[in-house]
Amino acid sequence: MTEYMKVKIENKGEIEVPEGSKVSNVVEKLDHHLDSVVVLSKGKPLPIDEEIEEGMQLKIVPVVSGG
C-alpha cells in the first residue's frame, strides 16, 4: 500500500504525493514541463532529483528567457 504525504505549493494549496516522490514528480503532477520552471524551497532552488519531505513548502517559478 502506497503512503502519501502532503506538500504545500505556493498559490496552489496542498497536494498529496506518494512517499519517496522527487521534485520532478511534483512538477509533472502540476502539469508543468521540467525545463520551464524552477522549484524553490525556503528561497533556494531545488534539484529536480531532490526527494520531497512531508510538509515541505514549494514555490514553482516559470523560467522566462528571450533576447
PDB file of N, CA and C in Angstrom:
ATOM      1  N   MET A   1       0.849  -1.185   0.000  1.00  0.00           N
ATOM      2  CA  MET A   1       0.000   0.000   0.000  1.00  0.00           C
ATOM      3  C   MET A   1       0.892   1.245   0.000  1.00  0.00           C
ATOM      4  N   THR A   2       0.597   2.151  -0.897  1.00  0.00           N
ATOM      5  CA  THR A   2       1.392   3.370  -1.030  1.00  0.00           C
ATOM      6  C   THR A   2       0.979   4.385   0.024  1.00  0.00           C
ATOM      7  N   GLU A   3       1.958   4.937   0.712  1.00  0.00           N
ATOM      8  CA  GLU A   3       1.717   6.008   1.679  1.00  0.00           C
ATOM      9  C   GLU A   3       1.847   7.338   0.960  1.00  0.00           C
ATOM     10  N   TYR A   4       1.034   8.309   1.351  1.00  0.00           N
ATOM     11  CA  TYR A   4       1.068   9.627   0.744  1.00  0.00           C
ATOM     12  C   TYR A   4       1.455  10.676   1.770  1.00  0.00           C
ATOM     13  N   MET A   5       1.992  11.790   1.277  1.00  0.00           N
ATOM     14  CA  MET A   5       2.343  12.907   2.148  1.00  0.00           C
ATOM     15  C   MET A   5       1.860  14.194   1.497  1.00  0.00           C
ATOM     16  N   LYS A   6       1.658  15.213   2.325  1.00  0.00           N
ATOM     17  CA  LYS A   6       1.166  16.491   1.828  1.00  0.00           C
ATOM     18  C   LYS A   6       2.324  17.463   1.643  1.00  0.00           C
ATOM     19  N   VAL A   7       2.233  18.212   0.542  1.00  0.00           N
ATOM     20  CA  VAL A   7       3.220  19.230   0.204  1.00  0.00           C
ATOM     21  C   VAL A   7       2.445  20.496  -0.125  1.00  0.00           C
ATOM     22  N   LYS A   8       2.919  21.629   0.391  1.00  0.00           N
ATOM     23  CA  LYS A   8       2.259  22.905   0.113  1.00  0.00           C
ATOM     24  C   LYS A   8       2.918  23.569  -1.089  1.00  0.00           C
ATOM     25  N   ILE A   9       2.089  23.994  -2.030  1.00  0.00           N
ATOM     26  CA  ILE A   9       2.566  24.683  -3.221  1.00  0.00           C
ATOM     27  C   ILE A   9       2.041  26.119  -3.158  1.00  0.00           C
ATOM     28  N   GLU A  10       2.949  27.085  -3.152  1.00  0.00           N
ATOM     29  CA  GLU A  10       2.547  28.484  -3.071  1.00  0.00           C
ATOM     30  C   GLU A  10       1.573  28.816  -4.199  1.00  0.00           C
ATOM     31  N   ASN A  11       0.490  29.479  -3.846  1.00  0.00           N
ATOM     32  CA  ASN A  11      -0.579  29.892  -4.771  1.00  0.00           C
ATOM     33  C   ASN A  11      -1.373  28.740  -5.373  1.00  0.00           C
ATOM     34  N   LYS A  12      -1.158  27.516  -4.903  1.00  0.00           N
ATOM     35  CA  LYS A  12      -1.912  26.368  -5.424  1.00  0.00           C
ATOM     36  C   LYS A  12      -2.547  25.544  -4.305  1.00  0.00           C
ATOM     37  N   GLY A  13      -2.110  25.730  -3.065  1.00  0.00           N
ATOM     38  CA  GLY A  13      -2.632  24.943  -1.952  1.00  0.00           C
ATOM     39  C   GLY A  13      -1.802  23.695  -1.704  1.00  0.00           C
ATOM     40  N   GLU A  14      -2.441  22.703  -1.101  1.00  0.00           N
ATOM     41  CA  GLU A  14      -1.754  21.453  -0.772  1.00  0.00           C
ATOM     42  C   GLU A  14      -2.051  20.388  -1.816  1.00  0.00           C
ATOM     43  N   ILE A  15      -1.039  19.563  -2.066  1.00  0.00           N
ATOM     44  CA  ILE A  15      -1.242  18.389  -2.912  1.00  0.00           C
ATOM     45  C   ILE A  15      -0.693  17.183  -2.163  1.00  0.00           C
ATOM     46  N   GLU A  16      -1.162  16.012  -2.536  1.00  0.00           N
ATOM     47  CA  GLU A  16      -0.641  14.777  -1.969  1.00  0.00           C
ATOM     48  C   GLU A  16       0.201  14.071  -3.018  1.00  0.00           C
ATOM     49  N   VAL A  17       1.342  13.589  -2.578  1.00  0.00           N
ATOM     50  CA  VAL A  17       2.235  12.827  -3.446  1.00  0.00           C
ATOM     51  C   VAL A  17       2.673  11.566  -2.706  1.00  0.00           C
ATOM     52  N   PRO A  18       2.999  10.514  -3.430  1.00  0.00           N
ATOM     53  CA  PRO A  18       3.477   9.291  -2.768  1.00  0.00           C
ATOM     54  C   PRO A  18       4.806   9.551  -2.049  1.00  0.00           C
ATOM     55  N   GLU A  19       4.995   8.895  -0.912  1.00  0.00           N
ATOM     56  CA  GLU A  19       6.276   8.985  -0.211  1.00  0.00           C
ATOM     57  C   GLU A  19       7.388   8.591  -1.166  1.00  0.00           C
ATOM     58  N   GLY A  20       8.519   9.271  -1.058  1.00  0.00           N
ATOM     59  CA  GLY A  20       9.647   8.989  -1.937  1.00  0.00           C
ATOM     60  C   GLY A  20       9.610   9.789  -3.228  1.00  0.00           C
ATOM     61  N   SER A  21       8.584  10.633  -3.383  1.00  0.00           N
ATOM     62  CA  SER A  21       8.492  11.450  -4.599  1.00  0.00           C
ATOM     63  C   SER A  21       9.630  12.455  -4.653  1.00  0.00           C
ATOM     64  N   LYS A  22       9.973  12.822  -5.854  1.00  0.00           N
ATOM     65  CA  LYS A  22      11.032  13.801  -6.098  1.00  0.00           C
ATOM     66  C   LYS A  22      10.409  15.093  -6.626  1.00  0.00           C
ATOM     67  N   VAL A  23      11.204  16.151  -6.667  1.00  0.00           N
ATOM     68  CA  VAL A  23      10.751  17.437  -7.184  1.00  0.00           C
ATOM     69  C   VAL A  23      10.154  17.251  -8.579  1.00  0.00           C
ATOM     70  N   SER A  24      10.794  16.438  -9.406  1.00  0.00           N
ATOM     71  CA  SER A  24      10.298  16.217 -10.768  1.00  0.00           C
ATOM     72  C   SER A  24       8.883  15.649 -10.764  1.00  0.00           C
ATOM     73  N   ASN A  25       8.558  14.775  -9.808  1.00  0.00           N
ATOM     74  CA  ASN A  25       7.216  14.205  -9.729  1.00  0.00           C
ATOM     75  C   ASN A  25       6.170  15.272  -9.421  1.00  0.00           C
ATOM     76  N   VAL A  26       6.521  16.210  -8.553  1.00  0.00           N
ATOM     77  CA  VAL A  26       5.600  17.301  -8.210  1.00  0.00           C
ATOM     78  C   VAL A  26       5.373  18.198  -9.422  1.00  0.00           C
ATOM     79  N   VAL A  27       6.450  18.540 -10.120  1.00  0.00           N
ATOM     80  CA  VAL A  27       6.354  19.392 -11.310  1.00  0.00           C
ATOM     81  C   VAL A  27       5.442  18.739 -12.353  1.00  0.00           C
ATOM     82  N   GLU A  28       5.640  17.467 -12.587  1.00  0.00           N
ATOM     83  CA  GLU A  28       4.824  16.758 -13.575  1.00  0.00           C
ATOM     84  C   GLU A  28       3.371  16.635 -13.121  1.00  0.00           C
ATOM     85  N   LYS A  29       3.150  16.401 -11.831  1.00  0.00           N
ATOM     86  CA  LYS A  29       1.782  16.298 -11.301  1.00  0.00           C
ATOM     87  C   LYS A  29       1.017  17.597 -11.517  1.00  0.00           C
ATOM     88  N   LEU A  30       1.723  18.722 -11.489  1.00  0.00           N
ATOM     89  CA  LEU A  30       1.096  20.027 -11.679  1.00  0.00           C
ATOM     90  C   LEU A  30       1.072  20.441 -13.155  1.00  0.00           C
ATOM     91  N   ASP A  31       1.384  19.504 -14.040  1.00  0.00           N
ATOM     92  CA  ASP A  31       1.347  19.719 -15.492  1.00  0.00           C
ATOM     93  C   ASP A  31       2.284  20.821 -15.985  1.00  0.00           C
ATOM     94  N   HIS A  32       3.453  20.925 -15.359  1.00  0.00           N
ATOM     95  CA  HIS A  32       4.490  21.842 -15.835  1.00  0.00           C
ATOM     96  C   HIS A  32       5.554  21.014 -16.547  1.00  0.00           C
ATOM     97  N   HIS A  33       6.294  21.652 -17.433  1.00  0.00           N
ATOM     98  CA  HIS A  33       7.428  20.995 -18.078  1.00  0.00           C
ATOM     99  C   HIS A  33       8.657  21.224 -17.209  1.00  0.00           C
ATOM    100  N   LEU A  34       9.466  20.196 -17.054  1.00  0.00           N
ATOM    101  CA  LEU A  34      10.642  20.275 -16.188  1.00  0.00           C
ATOM    102  C   LEU A  34      11.611  21.369 -16.602  1.00  0.00           C
ATOM    103  N   ASP A  35      11.686  21.669 -17.895  1.00  0.00           N
ATOM    104  CA  ASP A  35      12.645  22.663 -18.357  1.00  0.00           C
ATOM    105  C   ASP A  35      12.069  24.081 -18.387  1.00  0.00           C
ATOM    106  N   SER A  36      10.831  24.245 -17.904  1.00  0.00           N
ATOM    107  CA  SER A  36      10.217  25.574 -17.957  1.00  0.00           C
ATOM    108  C   SER A  36       9.967  26.187 -16.586  1.00  0.00           C
ATOM    109  N   VAL A  37      10.412  25.499 -15.519  1.00  0.00           N
ATOM    110  CA  VAL A  37      10.206  26.020 -14.164  1.00  0.00           C
ATOM    111  C   VAL A  37      11.442  25.803 -13.293  1.00  0.00           C
ATOM    112  N   VAL A  38      11.507  26.602 -12.229  1.00  0.00           N
ATOM    113  CA  VAL A  38      12.475  26.397 -11.149  1.00  0.00           C
ATOM    114  C   VAL A  38      11.644  26.193  -9.894  1.00  0.00           C
ATOM    115  N   VAL A  39      12.015  25.215  -9.079  1.00  0.00           N
ATOM    116  CA  VAL A  39      11.284  24.949  -7.847  1.00  0.00           C
ATOM    117  C   VAL A  39      12.134  25.417  -6.679  1.00  0.00           C
ATOM    118  N   LEU A  40      11.512  26.252  -5.827  1.00  0.00           N
ATOM    119  CA  LEU A  40      12.204  26.811  -4.671  1.00  0.00           C
ATOM    120  C   LEU A  40      11.610  26.278  -3.382  1.00  0.00           C
ATOM    121  N   SER A  41      12.457  26.126  -2.380  1.00  0.00           N
ATOM    122  CA  SER A  41      12.026  25.825  -1.022  1.00  0.00           C
ATOM    123  C   SER A  41      12.865  26.701  -0.097  1.00  0.00           C
ATOM    124  N   LYS A  42      12.176  27.490   0.702  1.00  0.00           N
ATOM    125  CA  LYS A  42      12.850  28.446   1.605  1.00  0.00           C
ATOM    126  C   LYS A  42      13.758  29.384   0.816  1.00  0.00           C
ATOM    127  N   GLY A  43      13.308  29.759  -0.395  1.00  0.00           N
ATOM    128  CA  GLY A  43      14.041  30.712  -1.210  1.00  0.00           C
ATOM    129  C   GLY A  43      15.226  30.151  -1.973  1.00  0.00           C
ATOM    130  N   LYS A  44      15.474  28.849  -1.848  1.00  0.00           N
ATOM    131  CA  LYS A  44      16.612  28.235  -2.537  1.00  0.00           C
ATOM    132  C   LYS A  44      16.127  27.243  -3.587  1.00  0.00           C
ATOM    133  N   PRO A  45      16.767  27.241  -4.766  1.00  0.00           N
ATOM    134  CA  PRO A  45      16.361  26.289  -5.805  1.00  0.00           C
ATOM    135  C   PRO A  45      16.665  24.848  -5.397  1.00  0.00           C
ATOM    136  N   LEU A  46      15.767  23.965  -5.790  1.00  0.00           N
ATOM    137  CA  LEU A  46      15.944  22.538  -5.502  1.00  0.00           C
ATOM    138  C   LEU A  46      16.300  21.790  -6.780  1.00  0.00           C
ATOM    139  N   PRO A  47      17.209  20.832  -6.672  1.00  0.00           N
ATOM    140  CA  PRO A  47      17.483  19.975  -7.839  1.00  0.00           C
ATOM    141  C   PRO A  47      16.241  19.145  -8.165  1.00  0.00           C
ATOM    142  N   ILE A  48      16.056  18.852  -9.428  1.00  0.00           N
ATOM    143  CA  ILE A  48      14.903  18.074  -9.892  1.00  0.00           C
ATOM    144  C   ILE A  48      14.847  16.694  -9.231  1.00  0.00           C
ATOM    145  N   ASP A  49      16.009  16.126  -8.878  1.00  0.00           N
ATOM    146  CA  ASP A  49      16.032  14.787  -8.280  1.00  0.00           C
ATOM    147  C   ASP A  49      16.015  14.793  -6.751  1.00  0.00           C
ATOM    148  N   GLU A  50      15.780  15.969  -6.154  1.00  0.00           N
ATOM    149  CA  GLU A  50      15.689  16.081  -4.682  1.00  0.00           C
ATOM    150  C   GLU A  50      14.421  15.375  -4.207  1.00  0.00           C
ATOM    151  N   GLU A  51      14.546  14.581  -3.141  1.00  0.00           N
ATOM    152  CA  GLU A  51      13.382  13.895  -2.593  1.00  0.00           C
ATOM    153  C   GLU A  51      12.556  14.866  -1.755  1.00  0.00           C
ATOM    154  N   ILE A  52      11.243  14.798  -1.915  1.00  0.00           N
ATOM    155  CA  ILE A  52      10.308  15.659  -1.199  1.00  0.00           C
ATOM    156  C   ILE A  52      10.096  15.108   0.211  1.00  0.00           C
ATOM    157  N   GLU A  53       9.951  16.018   1.172  1.00  0.00           N
ATOM    158  CA  GLU A  53       9.677  15.630   2.550  1.00  0.00           C
ATOM    159  C   GLU A  53       8.287  16.108   2.945  1.00  0.00           C
ATOM    160  N   GLU A  54       7.659  15.382   3.849  1.00  0.00           N
ATOM    161  CA  GLU A  54       6.331  15.734   4.355  1.00  0.00           C
ATOM    162  C   GLU A  54       6.313  17.186   4.821  1.00  0.00           C
ATOM    163  N   GLY A  55       5.294  17.928   4.391  1.00  0.00           N
ATOM    164  CA  GLY A  55       5.098  19.301   4.852  1.00  0.00           C
ATOM    165  C   GLY A  55       5.962  20.350   4.181  1.00  0.00           C
ATOM    166  N   MET A  56       6.752  19.961   3.193  1.00  0.00           N
ATOM    167  CA  MET A  56       7.589  20.957   2.503  1.00  0.00           C
ATOM    168  C   MET A  56       6.702  22.019   1.877  1.00  0.00           C
ATOM    169  N   GLN A  57       7.240  23.238   1.812  1.00  0.00           N
ATOM    170  CA  GLN A  57       6.562  24.326   1.125  1.00  0.00           C
ATOM    171  C   GLN A  57       7.386  24.680  -0.104  1.00  0.00           C
ATOM    172  N   LEU A  58       6.758  24.573  -1.250  1.00  0.00           N
ATOM    173  CA  LEU A  58       7.455  24.791  -2.512  1.00  0.00           C
ATOM    174  C   LEU A  58       6.861  25.975  -3.258  1.00  0.00           C
ATOM    175  N   LYS A  59       7.699  26.639  -4.017  1.00  0.00           N
ATOM    176  CA  LYS A  59       7.257  27.698  -4.904  1.00  0.00           C
ATOM    177  C   LYS A  59       7.733  27.324  -6.293  1.00  0.00           C
ATOM    178  N   ILE A  60       6.824  27.309  -7.253  1.00  0.00           N
ATOM    179  CA  ILE A  60       7.176  26.964  -8.621  1.00  0.00           C
ATOM    180  C   ILE A  60       7.196  28.260  -9.428  1.00  0.00           C
ATOM    181  N   VAL A  61       8.369  28.557  -9.990  1.00  0.00           N
ATOM    182  CA  VAL A  61       8.579  29.811 -10.705  1.00  0.00           C
ATOM    183  C   VAL A  61       8.841  29.502 -12.181  1.00  0.00           C
ATOM    184  N   PRO A  62       8.023  30.076 -13.069  1.00  0.00           N
ATOM    185  CA  PRO A  62       8.266  29.871 -14.501  1.00  0.00           C
ATOM    186  C   PRO A  62       9.582  30.531 -14.921  1.00  0.00           C
ATOM    187  N   VAL A  63      10.304  29.866 -15.795  1.00  0.00           N
ATOM    188  CA  VAL A  63      11.555  30.407 -16.341  1.00  0.00           C
ATOM    189  C   VAL A  63      11.197  31.167 -17.617  1.00  0.00           C
ATOM    190  N   VAL A  64      11.675  32.393 -17.692  1.00  0.00           N
ATOM    191  CA  VAL A  64      11.426  33.218 -18.863  1.00  0.00           C
ATOM    192  C   VAL A  64      12.779  33.534 -19.501  1.00  0.00           C
ATOM    193  N   SER A  65      12.849  33.318 -20.798  1.00  0.00           N
ATOM    194  CA  SER A  65      14.085  33.644 -21.483  1.00  0.00           C
ATOM    195  C   SER A  65      13.752  34.346 -22.785  1.00  0.00           C
ATOM    196  N   GLY A  66      14.705  34.996 -23.283  1.00  0.00           N
ATOM    197  CA  GLY A  66      14.498  35.716 -24.534  1.00  0.00           C
ATOM    198  C   GLY A  66      15.725  36.549 -24.864  1.00  0.00           C
ATOM    199  N   GLY A  67      15.622  37.242 -25.917  1.00  0.00           N
ATOM    200  CA  GLY A  67      16.778  38.026 -26.291  1.00  0.00           C
ATOM    201  C   GLY A  67      16.425  39.276 -27.040  1.00  0.00           C
TER     202      GLY A  67
END
